[in-house]
Amino acid sequence: TTDTTEFKYFETDTHGVIRQKKLYLDPFMDLYNSEILSYRISERPNAVAIMEGLEEVIQVTNDCPFRRTFHSDQGWAYQMKAYSSKLKEHKIFQSMSRKGNCLDNSPMENFFSLLKQEIFHGEIYRSFDELKTAIDHYIYYYNNKRMKKKLNWQSPVQFRKTAQHIA
């Protein structure tokens, strides 16, 4: 599943004026273990970030023995011809949330909520790079260290590796 979320940060320009700016995160999550398989961070919502993240997640999941389904909301990025064509090219089924129903993508919304609660709310970031670095570190932590009850108290990566050994 995938979606886009926005973060605000503050930058001081050369005249000492503080300006509010935005950063956008476009992750792709595996619903099997909630692992973030691919993501892009950009200064504005754009097709390049979405398509680069899509290309990477297609490669990461290429060895999947089952039919792949990529889920999103009905945002402009996921309705692009290039996006849907790329999915068809790789025989990936496209699933989209019902209009105006955020519950259809609740795993990704939950990830965004955790991310913002754990590193963003109550913090002030003073540059794009500072916020980007915090998000990069968090995604590594989330995938490799953050235990989840539904994964038998393992991180997403630990759960995947354990399942591979059993299979």
Protein backbone atom coordinates (compact mmCIF):
# COMPACT_ATOMS: atom_id res chain seq x y z
CA THR A 1 0.00 0.00 0.00
CA THR A 2 1.11 3.57 -0.58
CA ASP A 3 0.11 7.14 0.14
CA THR A 4 1.66 10.59 0.54
CA THR A 5 1.97 12.62 3.72
CA GLU A 6 3.14 16.16 4.35
CA PHE A 7 5.42 17.59 7.04
CA LYS A 8 6.10 21.25 7.84
CA TYR A 9 9.48 22.63 8.82
CA PHE A 10 10.94 26.11 9.21
CA GLU A 11 13.90 27.60 7.41
CA THR A 12 15.60 30.92 7.94
CA ASP A 13 16.48 32.68 4.70
CA THR A 14 19.54 34.86 4.08
CA HIS A 15 17.67 37.92 5.44
CA GLY A 16 16.84 36.19 8.73
CA VAL A 17 13.19 35.68 7.80
CA ILE A 18 11.74 32.37 9.02
CA ARG A 19 9.66 30.65 6.36
CA GLN A 20 7.44 27.63 6.73
CA LYS A 21 8.22 24.97 4.15
CA LYS A 22 6.91 21.48 3.36
CA LEU A 23 8.40 18.04 2.90
CA TYR A 24 6.52 15.12 1.31
CA LEU A 25 6.99 11.43 2.09
CA ASP A 26 5.85 8.73 -0.38
CA PRO A 27 6.35 5.25 1.16
CA PHE A 28 5.35 1.80 -0.12
CA MET A 29 4.43 -0.68 2.64
CA ASP A 30 4.19 -4.48 2.51
CA LEU A 31 0.92 -5.42 4.20
CA TYR A 32 2.34 -8.85 5.09
CA ASN A 33 4.62 -7.46 7.80
CA SER A 34 4.11 -3.65 7.62
CA GLU A 35 7.68 -3.18 6.33
CA ILE A 36 8.42 0.00 4.40
CA LEU A 37 9.91 -1.46 1.20
CA SER A 38 10.58 1.78 -0.65
CA TYR A 39 10.10 5.50 -0.10
CA ARG A 40 10.96 8.88 -1.51
CA ILE A 41 11.18 12.25 0.20
CA SER A 42 10.70 15.44 -1.79
CA GLU A 43 10.09 19.17 -1.42
CA ARG A 44 6.80 19.05 -3.31
CA PRO A 45 4.35 16.38 -4.41
CA ASN A 46 5.61 15.17 -7.76
CA ALA A 47 5.32 12.30 -10.21
CA VAL A 48 9.08 11.64 -10.25
CA ALA A 49 9.15 10.71 -6.54
CA ILE A 50 6.11 8.43 -6.91
CA MET A 51 7.47 6.71 -10.02
CA GLU A 52 10.97 6.22 -8.55
CA GLY A 53 9.49 4.68 -5.41
CA LEU A 54 7.22 2.50 -7.54
CA GLU A 55 10.15 1.28 -9.67
CA GLU A 56 12.10 0.35 -6.54
CA VAL A 57 9.22 -1.48 -4.85
CA ILE A 58 8.50 -3.41 -8.05
CA GLN A 59 12.12 -4.63 -8.06
CA VAL A 60 12.09 -5.42 -4.32
CA THR A 61 8.94 -7.54 -4.71
CA ASN A 62 9.89 -9.15 -8.03
CA ASP A 63 10.47 -12.58 -6.48
CA CYS A 64 6.99 -12.69 -4.91
CA PRO A 65 5.45 -16.06 -5.83
CA PHE A 66 1.90 -14.67 -5.51
CA ARG A 67 -0.05 -12.12 -7.51
CA ARG A 68 1.00 -8.67 -6.36
CA THR A 69 -1.62 -6.04 -5.55
CA PHE A 70 -0.61 -2.43 -4.99
CA HIS A 71 -3.17 -0.39 -3.05
CA SER A 72 -3.54 3.40 -2.80
CA ASP A 73 -6.13 6.08 -2.41
CA GLN A 74 -7.57 7.81 -5.48
CA GLY A 75 -5.00 10.62 -5.46
CA TRP A 76 -3.78 12.20 -8.68
CA ALA A 77 -0.44 10.36 -8.58
CA TYR A 78 -2.03 6.92 -8.56
CA GLN A 79 -4.37 7.81 -11.42
CA MET A 80 -1.50 8.82 -13.71
CA LYS A 81 -1.28 6.80 -16.91
CA ALA A 82 2.43 6.19 -16.26
CA TYR A 83 1.63 4.69 -12.82
CA SER A 84 -1.13 2.35 -13.98
CA SER A 85 0.84 1.39 -17.11
CA LYS A 86 3.88 0.47 -15.01
CA LEU A 87 1.72 -1.78 -12.83
CA LYS A 88 0.18 -3.47 -15.89
CA GLU A 89 3.61 -3.93 -17.46
CA HIS A 90 4.66 -5.95 -14.40
CA LYS A 91 1.30 -7.78 -14.09
CA ILE A 92 0.53 -6.04 -10.78
CA PHE A 93 -3.12 -5.57 -9.83
CA GLN A 94 -4.07 -1.98 -8.91
CA SER A 95 -6.43 -1.51 -5.97
CA MET A 96 -7.80 1.87 -4.89
CA SER A 97 -9.69 3.05 -1.84
CA ARG A 98 -13.29 4.07 -2.13
CA LYS A 99 -13.70 7.78 -2.64
CA GLY A 100 -13.43 9.68 0.65
CA ASN A 101 -12.79 6.57 2.76
CA CYS A 102 -9.44 6.81 4.55
CA LEU A 103 -10.18 3.56 6.44
CA ASP A 104 -9.45 1.63 3.23
CA ASN A 105 -5.80 2.56 3.65
CA SER A 106 -5.62 2.39 7.44
CA PRO A 107 -2.28 0.51 7.65
CA MET A 108 -0.50 3.39 5.90
CA GLU A 109 -2.44 6.00 7.88
CA ASN A 110 -1.39 4.15 11.05
CA PHE A 111 2.26 4.26 9.95
CA PHE A 112 2.01 8.00 9.30
CA SER A 113 0.46 8.48 12.74
CA LEU A 114 3.24 6.51 14.48
CA LEU A 115 5.94 8.36 12.57
CA LYS A 116 4.50 11.76 13.41
CA GLN A 117 3.87 10.89 17.08
CA GLU A 118 7.34 9.43 17.59
CA ILE A 119 9.58 11.95 15.81
CA PHE A 120 7.58 14.94 14.60
CA HIS A 121 4.93 16.29 17.00
CA GLY A 122 6.53 18.60 19.54
CA GLU A 123 9.72 18.94 17.48
CA ILE A 124 10.81 21.88 15.34
CA TYR A 125 12.89 21.03 12.30
CA ARG A 126 14.95 23.88 10.86
CA SER A 127 15.82 22.48 7.43
CA PHE A 128 14.73 20.00 4.80
CA ASP A 129 17.88 17.94 5.40
CA GLU A 130 17.35 17.82 9.18
CA LEU A 131 13.78 16.54 8.77
CA LYS A 132 14.73 14.15 5.96
CA THR A 133 17.51 12.65 8.10
CA ALA A 134 15.08 12.16 11.01
CA ILE A 135 12.61 10.37 8.70
CA ASP A 136 15.36 8.20 7.17
CA HIS A 137 16.49 7.15 10.65
CA TYR A 138 12.94 6.49 11.79
CA ILE A 139 12.12 4.27 8.80
CA TYR A 140 15.27 2.23 9.47
CA TYR A 141 14.28 1.96 13.16
CA TYR A 142 10.66 1.09 12.28
CA ASN A 143 11.68 -1.66 9.86
CA ASN A 144 14.53 -3.17 11.86
CA LYS A 145 14.02 -2.44 15.57
CA ARG A 146 10.45 -1.37 16.39
CA MET A 147 8.59 -4.42 17.69
CA LYS A 148 4.92 -4.93 16.91
CA LYS A 149 2.55 -7.09 18.92
CA LYS A 150 0.85 -8.40 15.75
CA LEU A 151 4.29 -9.61 14.54
CA ASN A 152 4.91 -11.69 17.69
CA TRP A 153 6.91 -8.83 19.23
CA GLN A 154 9.33 -8.72 16.32
CA SER A 155 10.23 -5.90 13.96
CA PRO A 156 8.90 -6.14 10.39
CA VAL A 157 12.29 -7.30 9.08
CA GLN A 158 12.74 -9.86 11.88
CA PHE A 159 9.25 -11.22 11.22
CA ARG A 160 9.94 -11.60 7.48
CA LYS A 161 13.28 -13.33 8.10
CA THR A 162 11.76 -15.67 10.69
CA ALA A 163 8.96 -16.62 8.27
CA GLN A 164 11.50 -17.29 5.48
CA HIS A 165 13.36 -19.74 7.73
CA ILE A 166 10.15 -21.60 8.57
CA ALA A 167 8.96 -21.87 4.97
